Protein backbone atom coordinates (compact mmCIF):
# COMPACT_ATOMS: atom_id res chain seq x y z
CA UNK A 1 26.63 -7.11 -11.92
CA UNK A 2 24.09 -9.46 -13.55
CA UNK A 3 21.67 -8.82 -10.64
CA UNK A 4 21.98 -5.05 -11.16
CA UNK A 5 21.34 -5.34 -14.92
CA UNK A 6 18.27 -7.52 -14.36
CA UNK A 7 17.00 -5.08 -11.70
CA UNK A 8 17.37 -2.12 -14.13
CA UNK A 9 15.60 -4.00 -16.95
CA UNK A 10 12.72 -4.85 -14.56
CA UNK A 11 12.35 -1.19 -13.61
CA UNK A 12 12.19 -0.16 -17.28
CA UNK A 13 9.50 -2.78 -17.98
CA UNK A 14 7.48 -1.68 -14.90
CA UNK A 15 7.69 1.98 -15.88
CA UNK A 16 6.36 1.09 -19.31
CA UNK A 17 3.52 -0.80 -17.70
CA UNK A 18 2.77 2.16 -15.44
CA UNK A 19 2.49 4.52 -18.39
CA UNK A 20 0.31 2.15 -20.41
CA UNK A 21 -2.05 1.29 -17.55
CA UNK A 22 -2.67 4.93 -16.71
CA UNK A 23 -3.73 6.06 -20.19
CA UNK A 24 -7.46 5.86 -20.76
CA UNK A 25 -8.86 6.53 -17.29
CA UNK A 26 -12.52 7.59 -17.29
CA UNK A 27 -13.55 11.04 -16.13
CA UNK A 28 -14.91 10.99 -12.58
CA UNK A 29 -18.23 12.52 -11.64
CA UNK A 30 -17.74 15.87 -9.95
CA UNK A 31 -18.66 15.96 -6.26
CA UNK A 32 -18.38 19.69 -5.70
CA UNK A 33 -20.47 22.53 -7.10
CA UNK A 34 -18.81 25.42 -8.89
CA UNK A 35 -19.14 27.51 -5.72
CA UNK A 36 -17.07 24.93 -3.82
CA UNK A 37 -19.93 23.43 -1.77
CA UNK A 38 -19.41 19.75 -1.01
CA UNK A 39 -22.27 17.60 -2.35
CA UNK A 40 -20.69 14.21 -1.70
CA UNK A 41 -22.10 12.53 1.44
CA UNK A 42 -19.10 10.18 1.55
CA UNK A 43 -16.49 12.94 1.69
CA UNK A 44 -15.68 15.16 4.67
CA UNK A 45 -12.99 17.53 3.32
CA UNK A 46 -11.97 18.49 6.86
CA UNK A 47 -11.29 14.94 8.04
CA UNK A 48 -7.68 14.50 9.12
CA UNK A 49 -7.61 10.68 9.26
CA UNK A 50 -9.05 8.14 6.86
CA UNK A 51 -12.12 7.25 8.94
CA UNK A 52 -12.99 10.94 9.35
CA UNK A 53 -12.43 11.86 5.70
CA UNK A 54 -14.59 9.11 4.18
CA UNK A 55 -17.93 7.79 5.44
CA UNK A 56 -19.55 4.61 4.10
CA UNK A 57 -22.34 5.14 1.56
CA UNK A 58 -25.92 5.31 2.78
CA UNK A 59 -27.10 2.00 4.23
CA UNK A 60 -23.58 0.81 5.13
CA UNK A 61 -21.57 0.99 8.33
CA UNK A 62 -17.93 0.23 9.03
CA UNK A 63 -17.17 -3.34 10.08
CA UNK A 64 -16.22 -3.86 13.71
CA UNK A 65 -12.51 -4.14 14.46
CA UNK A 66 -10.37 -4.73 17.51
CA UNK A 67 -8.87 -1.67 19.25
CA UNK A 68 -5.11 -1.26 18.79
CA UNK A 69 -5.20 -3.75 15.91
CA UNK A 70 -3.52 -3.45 12.52
CA UNK A 71 -7.01 -2.82 11.11
CA UNK A 72 -7.43 0.18 13.39
CA UNK A 73 -3.98 1.47 12.45
CA UNK A 74 -4.94 1.43 8.76
CA UNK A 75 -8.41 2.88 9.33
CA UNK A 76 -6.87 5.83 11.20
CA UNK A 77 -4.03 6.61 8.81
CA UNK A 78 -3.28 10.36 8.81
CA UNK A 79 -4.18 12.18 5.61
CA UNK A 80 -2.87 15.34 4.05
CA UNK A 81 -5.32 18.18 3.46
CA UNK A 82 -8.13 17.57 0.97
CA UNK A 83 -7.03 18.10 -2.66
CA UNK A 84 -3.33 17.81 -1.81
CA UNK A 85 -1.29 16.15 -4.55
CA UNK A 86 0.83 13.02 -4.28
CA UNK A 87 4.54 13.78 -4.29
CA UNK A 88 7.26 11.61 -5.76
CA UNK A 89 10.46 10.94 -3.81
CA UNK A 90 12.17 13.83 -5.60
CA UNK A 91 9.46 16.37 -4.75
CA UNK A 92 7.75 16.33 -8.14
CA UNK A 93 3.96 16.07 -8.27
CA UNK A 94 1.76 13.22 -9.49
CA UNK A 95 -0.79 15.32 -11.32
CA UNK A 96 -3.22 12.60 -12.41
CA UNK A 97 -5.86 12.90 -9.71
CA UNK A 98 -8.08 10.38 -11.45
CA UNK A 99 -5.86 7.85 -9.68
CA UNK A 100 -6.23 8.97 -6.07
CA UNK A 101 -8.69 10.72 -3.79
CA UNK A 102 -6.43 11.40 -0.77
CA UNK A 103 -2.76 11.36 0.21
CA UNK A 104 -1.49 9.52 3.30
CA UNK A 105 0.60 11.83 5.47
CA UNK A 106 3.65 9.60 6.00
CA UNK A 107 7.18 10.45 4.92
CA UNK A 108 8.69 8.23 2.21
CA UNK A 109 12.30 9.41 2.25
CA UNK A 110 14.23 10.91 -0.65
CA UNK A 111 15.28 7.74 -2.49
CA UNK A 112 13.49 5.94 -5.31
CA UNK A 113 12.59 2.98 -3.07
CA UNK A 114 9.10 3.38 -1.57
CA UNK A 115 7.14 1.79 -4.41
CA UNK A 116 4.17 -0.58 -4.45
CA UNK A 117 5.26 -3.66 -2.45
CA UNK A 118 7.48 -1.44 -0.31
CA UNK A 119 4.49 0.62 0.83
CA UNK A 120 2.60 -2.54 1.83
CA UNK A 121 5.65 -3.80 3.73
CA UNK A 122 6.17 -0.40 5.34
CA UNK A 123 2.63 -0.16 6.71
CA UNK A 124 2.80 -3.59 8.31
CA UNK A 125 6.30 -3.03 9.70
CA UNK A 126 5.50 0.43 11.02
CA UNK A 127 2.46 -0.85 12.90
CA UNK A 128 4.58 -3.59 14.48
CA UNK A 129 7.40 -1.17 15.28
CA UNK A 130 5.10 1.40 16.91
CA UNK A 131 3.68 -1.35 19.13
CA UNK A 132 7.17 -2.73 19.90
CA UNK A 133 6.47 -6.12 18.31
CA UNK A 134 10.06 -6.10 17.10
CA UNK A 135 10.45 -9.86 16.80
CA UNK A 136 7.55 -9.98 14.31
CA UNK A 137 9.30 -7.66 11.87
CA UNK A 138 10.98 -9.74 9.18
CA UNK A 139 10.83 -9.83 5.40
CA UNK A 140 12.50 -11.79 2.64
CA UNK A 141 14.75 -10.54 -0.11
CA UNK A 142 13.91 -11.56 -3.67
CA UNK A 143 16.48 -14.36 -3.37
CA UNK A 144 14.56 -15.79 -0.39
CA UNK A 145 16.94 -14.62 2.37
CA UNK A 146 15.01 -13.69 5.53
CA UNK A 147 16.04 -10.45 7.23
CA UNK A 148 14.88 -10.14 10.84
CA UNK A 149 14.76 -6.65 12.30
CA UNK A 150 16.02 -7.85 15.70
CA UNK A 151 19.03 -9.50 14.07
CA UNK A 152 19.80 -6.32 12.18
CA UNK A 153 19.53 -4.19 15.35
CA UNK A 154 21.77 -6.62 17.26
CA UNK A 155 24.68 -5.72 15.03
CA UNK A 156 24.34 -7.93 11.97
CA UNK A 157 24.64 -6.46 8.51
CA UNK A 158 24.18 -7.83 5.03
CA UNK A 159 26.81 -9.04 2.61
CA UNK A 160 25.43 -9.64 -0.87
CA UNK A 161 27.51 -11.61 -3.36
CA UNK A 162 25.75 -12.26 -6.63
CA UNK A 163 22.51 -14.00 -5.70
CA UNK A 164 23.80 -15.05 -2.27
CA UNK A 165 23.25 -13.10 0.95
CA UNK A 166 25.04 -13.53 4.27
CA UNK A 167 24.92 -12.02 7.76
CA UNK A 168 28.22 -10.57 8.92
CA UNK A 169 29.10 -8.81 12.15
CA UNK A 170 28.57 -5.05 12.24
CA UNK A 171 27.82 -2.24 14.68
CA UNK A 172 24.87 -2.51 17.04
CA UNK A 173 21.97 -0.22 16.23
CA UNK A 174 19.18 1.51 18.07
CA UNK A 175 15.45 0.71 18.03
CA UNK A 176 14.73 4.38 17.29
CA UNK A 177 12.81 5.44 14.19
CA UNK A 178 15.90 6.58 12.31
CA UNK A 179 17.35 3.08 12.62
CA UNK A 180 14.01 1.50 11.77
CA UNK A 181 13.81 3.51 8.56
CA UNK A 182 17.36 2.46 7.63
CA UNK A 183 16.22 -1.17 7.99
CA UNK A 184 13.14 -0.41 5.88
CA UNK A 185 15.22 1.03 3.05
CA UNK A 186 17.37 -2.10 3.09
CA UNK A 187 14.22 -4.20 2.65
CA UNK A 188 12.89 -1.87 -0.05
CA UNK A 189 16.15 -2.28 -1.97
CA UNK A 190 16.10 -6.07 -2.17
CA UNK A 191 12.42 -7.05 -1.84
CA UNK A 192 9.47 -6.59 -4.18
CA UNK A 193 6.16 -8.07 -5.27
CA UNK A 194 7.85 -11.33 -6.28
CA UNK A 195 9.31 -11.94 -2.82
CA UNK A 196 6.36 -10.52 -0.88
CA UNK A 197 3.82 -12.72 -2.66
CA UNK A 198 5.84 -15.78 -1.58
CA UNK A 199 5.55 -14.74 2.08
CA UNK A 200 1.78 -14.30 2.09
CA UNK A 201 -1.19 -16.62 2.49
CA UNK A 202 -3.76 -16.87 -0.29
CA UNK A 203 -7.24 -15.86 0.97
CA UNK A 204 -10.68 -16.40 -0.64
CA UNK A 205 -12.13 -13.08 -1.72
CA UNK A 206 -15.21 -13.70 0.48
CA UNK A 207 -12.92 -13.73 3.56
CA UNK A 208 -11.33 -10.34 2.89
CA UNK A 209 -10.19 -8.39 5.97
CA UNK A 210 -8.66 -4.97 6.51
CA UNK A 211 -4.91 -5.34 6.02
CA UNK A 212 -5.18 -7.91 3.23
CA UNK A 213 -3.20 -7.34 0.05
CA UNK A 214 -4.24 -7.70 -3.56
CA UNK A 215 -0.99 -8.58 -5.27
CA UNK A 216 0.41 -9.69 -8.60
CA UNK A 217 3.93 -10.89 -7.88
CA UNK A 218 6.52 -10.66 -10.60
CA UNK A 219 8.37 -8.38 -13.00
CA UNK A 220 6.33 -6.32 -13.52
CA UNK A 221 3.95 -6.73 -10.60
CA UNK A 222 1.87 -4.54 -8.34
CA UNK A 223 0.26 -4.58 -4.89
CA UNK A 224 -2.47 -2.61 -3.13
CA UNK A 225 -3.62 -2.89 0.48
CA UNK A 226 -7.14 -2.97 1.95
CA UNK A 227 -7.29 -0.07 4.43
CA UNK A 228 -10.98 -0.12 5.42
CA UNK A 229 -14.19 -2.10 5.00
CA UNK A 230 -17.92 -1.53 5.46
CA UNK A 231 -21.02 -3.73 5.38
CA UNK A 232 -24.62 -3.11 4.29
CA UNK A 233 -27.05 -3.14 7.19
CA UNK A 234 -29.72 -5.13 5.34
CA UNK A 235 -27.99 -7.18 2.62
CA UNK A 236 -24.56 -7.77 4.27
CA UNK A 237 -22.91 -6.67 1.04
CA UNK A 238 -19.35 -5.54 1.80
CA UNK A 239 -17.30 -2.62 0.56
CA UNK A 240 -13.56 -2.06 0.82
CA UNK A 241 -11.08 0.77 0.31
CA UNK A 242 -7.60 0.51 -1.22
CA UNK A 243 -4.28 2.31 -0.88
CA UNK A 244 -1.11 2.06 -2.94
CA UNK A 245 2.23 3.50 -3.84
CA UNK A 246 3.63 3.11 -7.35
CA UNK A 247 6.64 3.76 -9.57
CA UNK A 248 8.67 5.87 -9.30
CA UNK A 249 8.64 5.99 -5.48
CA UNK A 250 5.74 8.11 -4.25
CA UNK A 251 3.53 8.85 -1.29
CA UNK A 252 0.82 6.41 -0.28
CA UNK A 253 -2.54 7.31 -1.79
CA UNK A 254 -6.18 6.29 -1.33
CA UNK A 255 -7.42 5.04 -4.70
CA UNK A 256 -10.43 6.26 -6.63
CA UNK A 257 -12.99 3.76 -7.85
CA UNK A 258 -13.27 4.98 -11.42
CA UNK A 259 -15.75 2.22 -12.28
CA UNK A 260 -18.30 3.34 -9.69
CA UNK A 261 -17.81 7.02 -8.90
CA UNK A 262 -21.00 7.12 -6.82
CA UNK A 263 -19.36 5.10 -4.03
CA UNK A 264 -15.70 6.02 -4.61
CA UNK A 265 -13.28 5.49 -2.91
CA UNK A 266 -15.16 2.35 -1.83
CA UNK A 267 -15.21 -0.81 -3.98
CA UNK A 268 -17.88 -3.53 -3.88
CA UNK A 269 -16.62 -6.91 -2.73
CA UNK A 270 -17.27 -9.63 -5.30
CA UNK A 271 -18.56 -7.14 -7.86
CA UNK A 272 -16.55 -8.77 -10.67
CA UNK A 273 -13.93 -11.46 -11.14
CA UNK A 274 -11.63 -8.64 -12.18
CA UNK A 275 -10.62 -5.93 -9.71
CA UNK A 276 -9.90 -2.85 -11.78
CA UNK A 277 -7.93 -0.10 -10.02
CA UNK A 278 -6.76 3.10 -11.70
CA UNK A 279 -3.25 1.86 -12.47
CA UNK A 280 -3.54 -1.93 -12.39
CA UNK A 281 -6.04 -4.72 -13.03
CA UNK A 282 -6.09 -7.67 -10.63
CA UNK A 283 -8.18 -10.82 -10.33
CA UNK A 284 -10.05 -11.97 -7.24
CA UNK A 285 -7.72 -14.93 -6.69
CA UNK A 286 -4.84 -12.50 -6.02
CA UNK A 287 -6.03 -11.62 -2.50
CA UNK A 288 -3.41 -12.50 0.14
CA UNK A 289 -2.64 -11.90 3.82
CA UNK A 290 0.39 -11.58 6.11
CA UNK A 291 1.09 -14.64 8.20
CA UNK A 292 0.76 -13.96 11.93
């Protein structure tokens, strides 16, 4: 009961933070003429995946990545049609389009679970699941208990008593997507930024890679994931692109750069000690990475 009360209080605090952080967002420069003609060289409104929808700014090219890698999975995320709105878990619309420039076309279920850390976890787990790296899928609950996907499929289930968690015998499950999503929702329920940040490796900002996470663990906390990077052909200056979910549970979204609309949705690496995103402000020392 105490755990439930604390969980509810944390949600209320986070929701307050969400509302406060979203207030005074700057107006973005318009990239379309009144007749609808696209004047933004970065944007291809007809692109169906991330790498087709957004090109690097002039003078930059995408960094090289390994085929079939997690980096490629993120760079080729499917996107909903241009100008589509983010939907919450209950079907309502996130109207503030100063936050996001595109919506990732992945289902999030109909429960209020797929929030910020959950979306980061989901992307990593889904890549591993699609490539049948089942034994690499494991995440910790907030109390530190590790939940391996293979154990869960083998017939184990969770028994939670207060702040203690135990495996007990249960029915065997399938490796199909329906079962995978059931496992994901279990993780979403008991994990968050506090537990995820404890699983990750701290990375110097200069070593950023696609798939890295910028995360503030805690209550409240937030996390965004690096989904693409580019490099300048002459200066080697790097750019990166970010995706997030938020509270309440909502679809993954590609974030605007409201501080530099000319290159949005790209951000400059090392531009400032502070990394200011539309709904949260991070610092450069909050860059982290999944352990292999």
